[in-house]
């Protein structure tokens, strides 16, 4: 049931990201719900679960983007690794720590995109991306993120069994 619910949440986030989220763009920038979900999984799940979620969701996002394959996988996987390691050293509850984690992850995600396009692929990315779009992207994710964390925590609590298992701990 747990993996099924996680897959449904991911499908909902991908469909929201690719369809109606454009209605809420600010200056041509939309929040990255998948990035918020990866940070959520890295902070709330086990280390392996967070990293696995980052890699799988990055691969799916690369496949759906139609762009360069591997950029989202690299950035989401590294973000999940970093924050799943960092969660044990910091208290990640409340709006401010979650916002800071999301600002840092958004900046890292944008820089991986910028440097991979600019160096490896010899593409051209304007400086407007770094100085105008990346800060708006980071702040937008930091504003949306704590709300998503609350909603995802409520969904997680709703999916937990309500009654304790009476057979738990019994041996022959």
Protein backbone atom coordinates (compact mmCIF):
# COMPACT_ATOMS: atom_id res chain seq x y z
CA UNK A 1 0.00 0.00 0.00
CA UNK A 2 2.87 2.35 0.84
CA UNK A 3 4.54 2.10 -2.58
CA UNK A 4 1.22 2.34 -4.36
CA UNK A 5 0.38 5.56 -2.52
CA UNK A 6 3.85 6.96 -3.26
CA UNK A 7 3.38 6.18 -6.95
CA UNK A 8 -0.03 7.88 -6.94
CA UNK A 9 1.44 10.99 -5.32
CA UNK A 10 4.25 11.06 -7.89
CA UNK A 11 1.77 10.66 -10.77
CA UNK A 12 -0.36 13.48 -9.37
CA UNK A 13 2.67 15.76 -8.98
CA UNK A 14 3.94 15.02 -12.49
CA UNK A 15 0.53 15.66 -14.01
CA UNK A 16 0.12 18.89 -12.04
CA UNK A 17 3.63 19.99 -13.02
CA UNK A 18 3.04 19.40 -16.70
CA UNK A 19 -0.55 20.65 -17.04
CA UNK A 20 -2.16 23.31 -14.86
CA UNK A 21 0.83 24.61 -12.90
CA UNK A 22 1.63 26.98 -15.77
CA UNK A 23 -1.38 29.01 -14.64
CA UNK A 24 0.55 29.94 -11.49
CA UNK A 25 3.78 30.99 -13.18
CA UNK A 26 5.43 34.12 -11.85
CA UNK A 27 7.62 35.90 -14.36
CA UNK A 28 7.75 32.75 -16.47
CA UNK A 29 8.89 30.65 -13.50
CA UNK A 30 6.88 27.77 -12.04
CA UNK A 31 7.70 25.87 -8.88
CA UNK A 32 9.22 22.43 -9.24
CA UNK A 33 6.87 20.10 -7.36
CA UNK A 34 9.12 17.15 -8.09
CA UNK A 35 12.06 18.89 -6.44
CA UNK A 36 9.94 19.57 -3.35
CA UNK A 37 8.83 15.92 -3.33
CA UNK A 38 12.47 14.74 -3.59
CA UNK A 39 13.49 16.95 -0.65
CA UNK A 40 10.47 15.68 1.28
CA UNK A 41 11.44 12.05 0.64
CA UNK A 42 15.07 12.77 1.53
CA UNK A 43 14.07 14.38 4.83
CA UNK A 44 11.18 12.13 5.88
CA UNK A 45 12.14 8.70 4.49
CA UNK A 46 15.15 6.48 5.06
CA UNK A 47 18.41 7.33 3.37
CA UNK A 48 17.99 4.65 0.70
CA UNK A 49 14.35 5.60 0.16
CA UNK A 50 15.19 9.27 -0.28
CA UNK A 51 18.04 8.63 -2.69
CA UNK A 52 15.97 6.10 -4.62
CA UNK A 53 13.11 8.58 -4.91
CA UNK A 54 15.51 11.26 -6.16
CA UNK A 55 16.99 9.05 -8.85
CA UNK A 56 13.69 7.55 -10.02
CA UNK A 57 11.85 10.88 -10.09
CA UNK A 58 14.81 12.53 -11.84
CA UNK A 59 14.78 9.81 -14.50
CA UNK A 60 11.06 10.19 -15.05
CA UNK A 61 11.40 13.97 -15.20
CA UNK A 62 14.20 13.61 -17.76
CA UNK A 63 12.05 11.29 -19.83
CA UNK A 64 9.07 13.63 -19.76
CA UNK A 65 11.04 16.80 -20.41
CA UNK A 66 12.19 15.80 -23.87
CA UNK A 67 15.46 17.58 -23.19
CA UNK A 68 18.83 16.34 -22.11
CA UNK A 69 18.67 12.95 -20.46
CA UNK A 70 20.49 12.80 -17.15
CA UNK A 71 20.51 16.40 -15.93
CA UNK A 72 17.48 16.00 -13.67
CA UNK A 73 18.61 12.54 -12.60
CA UNK A 74 21.98 13.91 -11.56
CA UNK A 75 20.61 16.93 -9.72
CA UNK A 76 17.70 15.18 -8.00
CA UNK A 77 19.87 12.21 -7.02
CA UNK A 78 22.57 14.43 -5.53
CA UNK A 79 20.00 16.60 -3.75
CA UNK A 80 18.39 13.50 -2.25
CA UNK A 81 21.78 12.15 -1.16
CA UNK A 82 22.84 15.47 0.38
CA UNK A 83 19.64 16.14 2.29
CA UNK A 84 19.13 12.55 3.42
CA UNK A 85 22.61 12.77 4.95
CA UNK A 86 22.05 16.26 6.34
CA UNK A 87 18.68 15.52 7.97
CA UNK A 88 20.34 13.76 10.89
CA UNK A 89 22.40 16.81 11.74
CA UNK A 90 19.65 19.44 11.64
CA UNK A 91 16.15 19.69 13.02
CA UNK A 92 13.98 19.88 9.91
CA UNK A 93 10.58 20.94 11.22
CA UNK A 94 8.85 24.22 10.63
CA UNK A 95 8.68 26.71 7.81
CA UNK A 96 12.15 28.23 8.08
CA UNK A 97 14.31 25.06 7.96
CA UNK A 98 12.19 23.56 5.20
CA UNK A 99 12.37 26.84 3.28
CA UNK A 100 16.14 26.99 3.65
CA UNK A 101 16.51 23.38 2.48
CA UNK A 102 14.33 24.15 -0.54
CA UNK A 103 16.21 27.35 -1.41
CA UNK A 104 19.52 25.47 -1.30
CA UNK A 105 18.18 22.56 -3.33
CA UNK A 106 16.63 24.89 -5.92
CA UNK A 107 19.88 26.79 -6.35
CA UNK A 108 21.79 23.52 -6.70
CA UNK A 109 19.23 22.18 -9.20
CA UNK A 110 19.49 25.36 -11.28
CA UNK A 111 23.28 25.40 -11.18
CA UNK A 112 23.50 21.76 -12.33
CA UNK A 113 21.24 22.65 -15.26
CA UNK A 114 23.18 25.83 -16.04
CA UNK A 115 26.64 24.24 -15.94
CA UNK A 116 25.64 21.06 -17.76
CA UNK A 117 24.08 23.02 -20.60
CA UNK A 118 26.87 25.59 -20.69
CA UNK A 119 29.90 23.33 -20.42
CA UNK A 120 29.20 19.75 -21.40
CA UNK A 121 26.58 20.38 -24.06
CA UNK A 122 28.08 23.66 -25.34
CA UNK A 123 24.65 25.24 -25.29
CA UNK A 124 23.90 28.82 -24.52
CA UNK A 125 22.10 29.86 -21.36
CA UNK A 126 21.64 33.55 -20.76
CA UNK A 127 22.89 35.22 -17.62
CA UNK A 128 19.25 36.20 -17.01
CA UNK A 129 18.76 32.61 -15.87
CA UNK A 130 21.31 32.98 -13.07
CA UNK A 131 20.50 36.49 -11.91
CA UNK A 132 16.74 36.76 -12.42
CA UNK A 133 15.08 33.38 -12.89
CA UNK A 134 17.06 31.25 -10.42
CA UNK A 135 16.34 33.47 -7.37
CA UNK A 136 12.63 33.61 -8.24
CA UNK A 137 12.61 29.82 -8.76
CA UNK A 138 14.29 29.27 -5.39
CA UNK A 139 11.96 31.57 -3.46
CA UNK A 140 8.90 30.16 -5.20
CA UNK A 141 9.88 26.60 -4.23
CA UNK A 142 10.59 27.74 -0.66
CA UNK A 143 7.13 29.30 -0.41
CA UNK A 144 5.27 26.30 -1.87
CA UNK A 145 7.39 23.68 -0.07
CA UNK A 146 6.26 24.03 3.56
CA UNK A 147 2.63 23.84 2.48
CA UNK A 148 3.40 20.68 0.49
CA UNK A 149 5.27 19.20 3.46
CA UNK A 150 2.19 19.70 5.67
CA UNK A 151 -0.11 18.12 3.08
CA UNK A 152 2.26 15.19 2.51
CA UNK A 153 2.64 14.66 6.27
CA UNK A 154 -1.17 14.55 6.59
CA UNK A 155 -1.39 12.03 3.76
CA UNK A 156 1.32 9.93 5.42
CA UNK A 157 -0.50 10.01 8.76
CA UNK A 158 -3.75 9.07 7.03
CA UNK A 159 -2.08 6.05 5.39
CA UNK A 160 -0.71 4.73 8.68
CA UNK A 161 -2.76 1.93 10.26
CA UNK A 162 -5.13 3.26 12.92
CA UNK A 163 -5.18 0.19 15.13
CA UNK A 164 -2.07 -1.52 16.39
CA UNK A 165 -1.36 -4.99 15.09
CA UNK A 166 -2.31 -7.39 17.87
CA UNK A 167 -0.01 -10.05 16.45
CA UNK A 168 3.06 -7.83 16.53
CA UNK A 169 5.78 -9.22 18.77
CA UNK A 170 4.18 -12.62 19.26
CA UNK A 171 6.41 -15.62 18.74
CA UNK A 172 5.81 -19.32 18.91
